[in-house]
Protein backbone atom coordinates (compact mmCIF):
# COMPACT_ATOMS: atom_id res chain seq x y z
CA MET A 1 100.06 106.12 124.69
CA ARG A 2 102.90 103.79 124.03
CA ILE A 3 101.64 101.27 121.73
CA ALA A 4 103.14 97.97 120.68
CA LEU A 5 101.89 96.65 117.18
CA PHE A 6 102.73 93.23 116.15
CA ASP A 7 102.31 92.19 112.53
CA TYR A 8 104.41 89.83 110.36
CA ILE A 9 104.88 92.01 107.36
CA VAL A 10 104.09 95.92 107.48
CA THR A 11 104.90 97.31 104.04
CA ALA A 12 102.76 98.94 101.48
CA ASP A 13 102.55 95.72 99.19
CA ASN A 14 100.90 93.82 102.02
CA ALA A 15 96.89 94.25 102.41
CA ILE A 16 96.95 94.28 106.31
CA GLY A 17 100.36 95.91 106.39
CA LYS A 18 99.01 98.80 104.42
CA CYS A 19 96.42 99.42 106.82
CA ASP A 20 98.89 99.32 109.64
CA LEU A 21 100.93 101.91 107.76
CA ALA A 22 98.00 104.42 107.45
CA ILE A 23 97.47 103.94 111.19
CA LEU A 24 101.15 104.77 111.79
CA ALA A 25 101.54 107.60 109.61
CA ALA A 26 98.66 109.43 110.76
CA LEU A 27 98.87 108.78 114.46
CA CYS A 28 102.49 108.75 115.53
CA ASP A 29 102.39 112.18 116.65
CA ASP A 30 99.64 111.36 119.22
CA HIS A 31 101.03 107.89 120.30
CA GLU A 32 104.22 106.22 120.78
CA PHE A 33 104.57 103.25 118.44
CA THR A 34 106.92 100.35 118.24
CA VAL A 35 106.42 97.83 115.58
CA PHE A 36 107.35 94.09 116.14
CA SER A 37 107.52 92.69 112.57
CA THR A 38 109.82 90.61 110.19
CA ARG A 39 109.72 93.43 107.52
CA PHE A 40 108.73 97.18 108.04
CA GLU A 41 108.68 100.07 105.78
CA ASN A 42 108.87 102.85 108.42
CA PRO A 43 106.93 106.11 107.25
CA ARG A 44 108.39 108.01 110.23
CA PRO A 45 111.74 106.48 111.62
CA GLU A 46 111.94 109.67 113.91
CA ARG A 47 108.73 108.63 115.62
CA ILE A 48 108.31 104.99 115.14
CA HIS A 49 110.40 102.24 116.58
CA TRP A 50 110.97 98.97 114.88
CA VAL A 51 111.84 95.69 116.46
CA HIS A 52 112.87 93.00 113.79
CA VAL A 53 111.66 89.64 114.52
CA PRO A 54 113.68 87.15 112.93
CA ALA A 55 111.42 84.74 111.67
CA PRO A 56 111.08 83.13 108.04
CA ARG A 57 108.51 84.52 105.90
CA ARG A 58 107.35 81.25 104.12
CA PRO A 59 105.83 79.04 104.36
CA MET A 60 103.08 80.84 106.37
CA ALA A 61 102.55 78.02 108.85
CA LEU A 62 106.42 78.18 109.74
CA LEU A 63 106.11 81.79 110.08
CA TYR A 64 103.10 81.71 112.46
CA ILE A 65 104.91 79.25 114.77
CA VAL A 66 108.18 80.82 114.75
CA PHE A 67 106.59 84.53 115.30
CA HIS A 68 104.65 82.92 118.37
CA LEU A 69 107.90 81.82 119.62
CA LEU A 70 110.46 84.70 118.78
CA ALA A 71 107.95 87.83 119.02
CA PRO A 72 107.53 87.43 122.80
CA VAL A 73 110.91 87.27 123.36
CA CYS A 74 111.55 90.26 121.50
CA TYR A 75 109.05 91.88 123.16
CA ALA A 76 110.32 91.32 126.58
CA TRP A 77 113.93 91.89 125.79
CA HIS A 78 113.09 95.40 124.47
CA ARG A 79 110.96 96.26 127.66
CA LEU A 80 114.02 94.95 129.91
CA ARG A 81 116.62 96.84 127.77
CA HIS A 82 114.92 100.30 127.79
CA ARG A 83 113.03 99.68 131.03
CA MET A 84 109.51 100.65 129.68
CA ARG A 85 106.09 99.46 129.57
CA PHE A 86 103.38 99.37 126.91
CA ASP A 87 99.98 101.11 127.61
CA LEU A 88 98.32 98.93 124.93
CA VAL A 89 99.46 95.78 122.61
CA GLN A 90 97.76 95.40 119.16
CA VAL A 91 97.93 92.06 117.37
CA ILE A 92 96.74 90.78 113.75
CA GLU A 93 94.15 88.07 114.53
CA SER A 94 95.69 85.13 116.67
CA ASN A 95 99.34 86.12 115.64
CA LEU A 96 100.23 86.51 119.45
CA LEU A 97 98.83 84.69 122.42
CA PHE A 98 98.59 88.14 124.50
CA GLY A 99 97.42 91.74 123.58
CA ASP A 100 94.39 94.17 124.00
CA ILE A 101 93.36 94.71 120.50
CA ALA A 102 92.93 92.15 117.85
CA TYR A 103 92.82 93.56 114.43
CA SER A 104 90.99 90.85 112.42
CA HIS A 105 91.12 90.45 108.97
CA PHE A 106 89.99 86.82 108.53
CA CYS A 107 87.89 84.11 110.35
CA HIS A 108 89.99 81.05 109.80
CA ARG A 109 87.29 78.73 111.48
CA THR A 110 84.54 79.99 109.31
CA PHE A 111 86.88 79.92 106.11
CA LEU A 112 87.67 76.09 106.88
CA GLU A 113 84.19 74.93 107.54
CA GLN A 114 82.38 76.74 104.78
CA HIS A 115 85.03 77.20 101.82
CA TRP A 116 88.01 75.06 101.94
CA LYS A 117 86.82 72.12 100.35
CA GLU A 118 85.83 74.06 97.17
CA ILE A 119 88.77 75.83 96.82
CA ARG A 120 91.73 73.94 98.37
CA ALA A 121 95.19 73.89 96.51
CA GLY A 122 96.79 70.67 96.02
CA GLY A 123 100.07 69.34 96.50
CA LEU A 124 102.68 70.49 99.23
CA ARG A 125 101.35 74.20 98.87
CA GLY A 126 97.97 73.09 99.75
CA VAL A 127 99.23 71.08 102.72
CA PHE A 128 100.95 74.05 104.20
CA ARG A 129 98.08 76.43 103.59
CA TRP A 130 95.60 74.12 105.24
CA LEU A 131 98.15 73.99 108.16
CA ASP A 132 98.37 77.61 108.38
CA HIS A 133 94.48 78.04 108.49
CA ARG A 134 94.21 75.16 111.04
CA LEU A 135 96.72 76.53 113.46
CA ARG A 136 95.13 79.90 113.37
CA ALA A 137 91.62 78.60 113.80
CA LEU A 138 92.90 76.74 116.98
CA LEU A 139 94.18 79.77 118.62
CA GLU A 140 91.34 82.10 117.54
CA PRO A 141 89.21 81.39 120.57
CA TRP A 142 92.01 81.67 122.92
CA VAL A 143 93.14 85.07 121.67
CA TYR A 144 89.61 86.72 121.17
CA GLN A 145 88.55 85.55 124.61
CA ARG A 146 91.45 87.62 126.19
CA VAL A 147 91.79 90.64 124.20
CA THR A 148 89.27 93.64 125.14
CA LYS A 149 88.66 94.70 121.74
CA ILE A 150 88.25 93.18 118.11
CA VAL A 151 88.43 95.46 115.13
CA ALA A 152 87.03 93.97 111.96
CA PRO A 153 87.05 95.77 108.50
CA SER A 154 83.52 94.90 107.36
CA HIS A 155 80.29 94.06 108.67
CA GLY A 156 80.27 90.65 107.00
CA LEU A 157 83.36 89.62 108.84
CA CYS A 158 81.44 90.92 112.03
CA ARG A 159 78.75 88.56 111.53
CA GLU A 160 81.36 85.49 111.03
CA LEU A 161 83.08 86.31 114.26
CA THR A 162 80.02 86.61 116.13
CA SER A 163 78.66 83.51 114.95
CA ALA A 164 81.89 81.53 115.41
CA PHE A 165 82.81 83.13 118.52
CA PRO A 166 79.53 84.37 120.46
CA ARG A 167 81.00 85.22 123.81
CA ALA A 168 83.39 87.82 121.97
CA SER A 169 80.47 89.53 120.12
CA ALA A 170 80.27 92.49 122.46
CA LYS A 171 84.01 93.36 121.87
CA ILE A 172 83.81 93.56 118.01
CA GLN A 173 83.95 96.92 116.33
CA VAL A 174 83.85 97.55 112.54
CA VAL A 175 86.45 100.07 111.05
CA ALA A 176 86.52 99.89 107.44
CA ASN A 177 89.80 99.76 105.63
CA PRO A 178 91.22 102.93 103.96
CA VAL A 179 91.32 103.86 100.37
CA ASP A 180 93.82 106.61 99.30
CA LEU A 181 91.31 108.10 97.14
CA GLU A 182 93.38 110.96 95.59
CA SER A 183 96.36 108.81 94.60
CA LEU A 184 93.98 106.41 92.91
CA ARG A 185 92.16 108.69 90.71
CA PRO A 186 93.94 108.75 87.10
CA PRO A 187 96.04 111.75 86.38
CA ALA A 188 95.31 113.86 83.45
CA ASN A 189 98.60 112.86 81.84
CA PHE A 190 98.35 109.35 82.06
CA ASP A 191 98.20 108.01 78.38
CA ARG A 192 95.86 105.25 78.88
CA TYR A 193 95.80 103.85 75.21
CA ALA A 194 99.80 103.98 75.01
CA PHE A 195 99.56 101.67 78.11
CA ARG A 196 97.34 99.33 76.30
CA GLU A 197 99.29 99.48 73.41
CA SER A 198 102.39 98.25 75.37
CA LEU A 199 100.44 95.08 76.62
CA GLY A 200 99.56 94.61 72.75
CA TRP A 201 95.85 95.62 73.16
CA THR A 202 93.83 98.33 71.29
CA PRO A 203 91.30 100.96 72.41
CA ASP A 204 88.25 98.84 71.49
CA ASP A 205 89.43 96.08 73.52
CA ILE A 206 87.36 95.49 77.02
CA VAL A 207 90.21 94.92 79.56
CA LEU A 208 89.49 93.19 82.66
CA ALA A 209 91.86 93.41 85.67
CA PHE A 210 92.57 90.71 88.11
CA VAL A 211 94.82 91.73 91.09
CA ALA A 212 95.90 89.39 94.07
CA LEU A 213 99.03 88.98 96.10
CA GLY A 214 98.36 85.20 95.90
CA HIS A 215 95.88 82.56 97.03
CA PHE A 216 94.57 82.38 93.57
CA GLU A 217 92.26 79.46 94.04
CA ARG A 218 90.53 81.34 96.80
CA LYS A 219 90.43 84.59 94.60
CA GLY A 220 88.75 82.80 91.93
CA LEU A 221 91.36 82.78 89.17
CA PRO A 222 90.81 79.24 88.05
CA LEU A 223 86.94 80.38 87.52
CA LEU A 224 88.25 83.50 85.57
CA LEU A 225 90.34 81.66 83.31
CA GLU A 226 87.70 78.84 82.49
CA ALA A 227 85.06 81.71 81.67
CA LEU A 228 87.51 83.68 79.61
CA GLY A 229 88.14 80.50 77.67
CA ALA A 230 84.44 80.37 76.76
CA VAL A 231 83.97 83.99 76.19
CA ASN A 232 82.54 84.46 72.44
CA ASP A 233 84.14 88.10 72.04
CA SER A 234 87.51 88.76 70.90
CA ARG A 235 87.44 92.18 72.34
CA VAL A 236 87.60 90.63 75.89
CA LYS A 237 91.06 90.63 77.51
CA ALA A 238 92.58 90.23 80.95
CA ILE A 239 95.39 91.39 82.90
CA ILE A 240 96.51 89.04 85.87
CA VAL A 241 98.42 91.13 88.17
CA GLY A 242 100.08 89.47 91.22
CA GLY A 243 102.14 86.34 92.39
CA SER A 244 105.62 85.13 91.10
CA SER A 245 106.87 86.16 87.70
CA GLY A 246 106.29 82.68 86.35
CA ASN A 247 102.69 81.53 87.38
CA THR A 248 103.61 78.55 85.35
CA ALA A 249 100.43 76.74 86.18
CA TYR A 250 98.11 79.25 85.24
CA ARG A 251 99.96 80.45 82.29
CA ALA A 252 99.82 76.88 80.99
CA ARG A 253 96.10 76.69 81.69
CA ALA A 254 95.58 79.85 79.74
CA ASP A 255 97.26 78.71 76.76
CA LYS A 256 95.58 75.36 77.00
CA SER A 257 92.42 77.22 76.84
CA GLY A 258 93.37 79.08 73.78
CA LEU A 259 93.53 82.53 75.38
CA ASN A 260 97.35 83.04 74.73
CA GLY A 261 97.54 86.94 73.75
CA ASN A 262 94.23 87.42 75.39
CA VAL A 263 95.45 87.27 78.90
CA LYS A 264 98.71 88.92 80.32
CA PHE A 265 100.31 87.86 83.42
CA VAL A 266 102.16 90.24 85.55
CA ARG A 267 104.21 89.76 88.69
CA THR A 268 103.17 91.49 91.97
CA GLN A 269 103.63 95.35 91.58
CA LYS A 270 104.18 97.76 94.42
CA ASP A 271 102.04 100.29 92.34
CA ILE A 272 99.27 98.81 90.64
CA ARG A 273 97.61 102.00 89.69
CA ALA A 274 98.51 101.98 85.99
CA TYR A 275 96.99 98.46 85.56
CA LEU A 276 93.79 99.75 87.03
CA TRP A 277 93.94 102.78 85.07
CA ALA A 278 94.30 101.00 81.58
CA ALA A 279 91.54 98.57 82.39
CA ASP A 280 87.68 98.80 81.84
CA ALA A 281 86.65 96.85 85.17
CA LEU A 282 87.90 95.00 87.84
CA THR A 283 86.82 91.21 88.23
CA LEU A 284 87.16 89.34 91.38
CA PRO A 285 85.27 85.92 91.39
CA SER A 286 86.49 85.41 94.92
CA HIS A 287 85.16 82.48 97.21
CA TYR A 288 85.92 84.25 100.43
CA GLU A 289 87.07 87.81 101.61
CA VAL A 290 86.62 89.81 104.72
CA PHE A 291 87.36 93.30 102.90
CA PRO A 292 88.86 93.11 99.30
CA LEU A 293 90.77 96.49 99.44
CA VAL A 294 91.84 96.00 95.74
CA ALA A 295 87.90 96.24 94.78
CA LEU A 296 87.67 99.64 96.47
CA GLU A 297 90.98 100.84 95.21
CA ALA A 298 89.68 99.85 91.53
CA ALA A 299 86.40 101.79 92.34
CA ALA A 300 88.43 104.91 93.35
CA ALA A 301 90.31 104.42 90.10
CA GLY A 302 86.93 104.80 88.24
CA LEU A 303 86.32 101.12 87.74
CA PRO A 304 83.00 98.97 87.65
CA LEU A 305 83.45 95.92 89.82
CA LEU A 306 82.47 92.42 88.54
CA VAL A 307 82.44 90.45 91.65
CA THR A 308 80.75 87.87 93.60
CA ARG A 309 78.84 88.70 96.80
CA LEU A 310 81.64 89.07 99.30
CA ASN A 311 82.19 90.63 102.66
CA GLY A 312 82.88 94.31 102.50
CA VAL A 313 81.68 94.34 98.65
CA GLU A 314 78.11 93.77 99.84
CA GLU A 315 77.99 97.00 101.63
CA PHE A 316 79.36 98.85 98.54
CA LEU A 317 78.05 97.24 95.37
CA ARG A 318 74.78 97.88 93.85
CA ASP A 319 74.09 95.69 90.96
CA GLY A 320 73.78 97.44 87.56
CA GLU A 321 74.97 100.83 89.19
CA ASN A 322 78.43 100.73 90.18
CA GLY A 323 79.23 97.15 89.22
CA LEU A 324 77.76 93.69 88.51
CA LEU A 325 77.43 90.85 90.68
CA MET A 326 78.40 87.37 89.42
CA GLN A 327 77.52 83.77 90.59
CA ARG A 328 80.51 81.89 92.07
CA ASP A 329 81.05 79.43 89.14
CA ALA A 330 82.43 79.38 85.72
CA SER A 331 78.99 80.04 84.00
CA GLY A 332 78.17 82.76 86.31
CA VAL A 333 81.50 84.45 85.70
CA LEU A 334 81.01 84.07 81.99
CA ASP A 335 77.58 85.49 81.93
CA CYS A 336 78.59 88.69 84.01
CA ILE A 337 81.57 89.13 81.57
CA ALA A 338 79.16 88.75 78.72
CA ARG A 339 76.65 91.20 80.11
CA PHE A 340 79.32 93.86 80.74
CA ALA A 341 80.84 93.35 77.13
CA GLU A 342 77.27 93.79 75.68
CA MET A 343 77.09 97.32 77.36
CA PRO A 344 77.62 100.55 75.47
CA VAL A 345 81.07 102.05 76.20
CA GLU A 346 79.25 105.09 77.80
CA ALA A 347 77.17 102.96 80.12
CA ARG A 348 80.29 100.92 81.27
CA ARG A 349 82.21 104.48 81.89
CA SER A 350 79.24 105.67 83.59
CA MET A 351 79.04 102.79 85.90
CA GLY A 352 82.72 103.43 86.78
CA LYS A 353 82.10 107.17 87.52
CA ARG A 354 79.32 106.12 89.98
CA ALA A 355 81.60 103.53 91.79
CA GLN A 356 84.37 106.41 91.80
CA VAL A 357 81.81 108.56 93.78
CA ASP A 358 80.27 105.78 95.98
CA VAL A 359 83.79 105.04 97.21
CA LYS A 360 84.23 108.31 98.85
CA ARG A 361 83.20 107.26 102.28
CA TYR A 362 86.18 104.72 102.59
CA GLY A 363 88.77 107.34 102.68
CA VAL A 364 91.88 107.57 104.68
CA PRO A 365 90.28 110.28 107.10
CA GLU A 366 87.42 108.29 108.13
CA PHE A 367 89.75 105.23 108.72
CA VAL A 368 92.32 107.48 111.12
CA ALA A 369 89.36 108.71 112.82
CA GLY A 370 88.05 105.42 113.81
CA TRP A 371 91.17 104.18 114.97
CA SER A 372 91.84 107.40 116.84
CA ARG A 373 88.60 107.11 118.79
CA LEU A 374 89.14 103.38 119.37
CA TYR A 375 92.50 104.30 120.90
CA ALA A 376 90.99 107.24 122.92
CA GLU A 377 88.57 104.76 124.47
CA ALA A 378 91.26 102.10 125.25
CA GLY A 379 93.13 104.73 127.10
CA LEU A 380 90.26 105.78 129.19
CA ASN A 381 89.40 102.14 129.96
CA ALA A 382 93.24 101.71 130.92
CA GLY A 383 93.10 104.85 133.16
């Protein structure tokens, strides 16, 4: 089949883009893909075509509007120029007003109704984020009514979409996001202690990793910093990976809380594996997720998960066995960290090994097989 895939940023350091890349790399010999995006790290240039959509990538609300205007023009021009038609059009959520498959990684209507008030960011950034979610929420019903299939990465998001858009419930199919299990397994030659020492920490310290591309309020970083400021254990450290190199506001908050050398900030990394391998657990006190891929990547790296009850994670985590559940407030985060720190070293490591075993069902082959079946069904229906 000829498949047109529309997404803003199809790169390895973008959560949805990483999933797109797994589909493209594995199935481009079976189907002819053309990607319409602002950025694209093409894994197979000889097989996959790219049409650049010249839209600004920030702020997201502006990207959303401009992409809606320019992407259809690029699509029409590409079809006219090459005298071709596509058998299938795949979009991300509501980023285009036409399509056959909507790959949904968020329910913006549910997020605004149930979570926005408790985590909204202030200032101009908060205004743009609210506008972005609001625009997407307005167009979600339109898009989901018209597509023939909606793909969600978790059963939790499936429930949310079903509740928000009952008429679309029969279209929803769950395909869990992929985890590159082999690449995340710590190599024998990785010097964990040397890496920790480069951060100024010792083998006896208990290092918690927090990883996010941004949206720190939603991901729960303010709760984590507040809890770390109250931890009565000098061994507990945290590495914050993500965002810009400055993270000025959060650095200032950490300093004000007296955390100083106990918290390190690192800008967004294309490869986060070394930070996971050097840590003792991943912590994610997030308010809302649909499938936090970083949590399962951390599990594949052998880390226990210290997380709130979230879509995607709820299907994986067993409290006390492969991680610990925390309440979604500063005291709940503090209690969870203290509970983990009090565990013997071997118990913490055993929990990480259990997580590494349990995450095997989320491998790339299972993900690709799910999408392969979906495309086959779409082809039969089209025929």
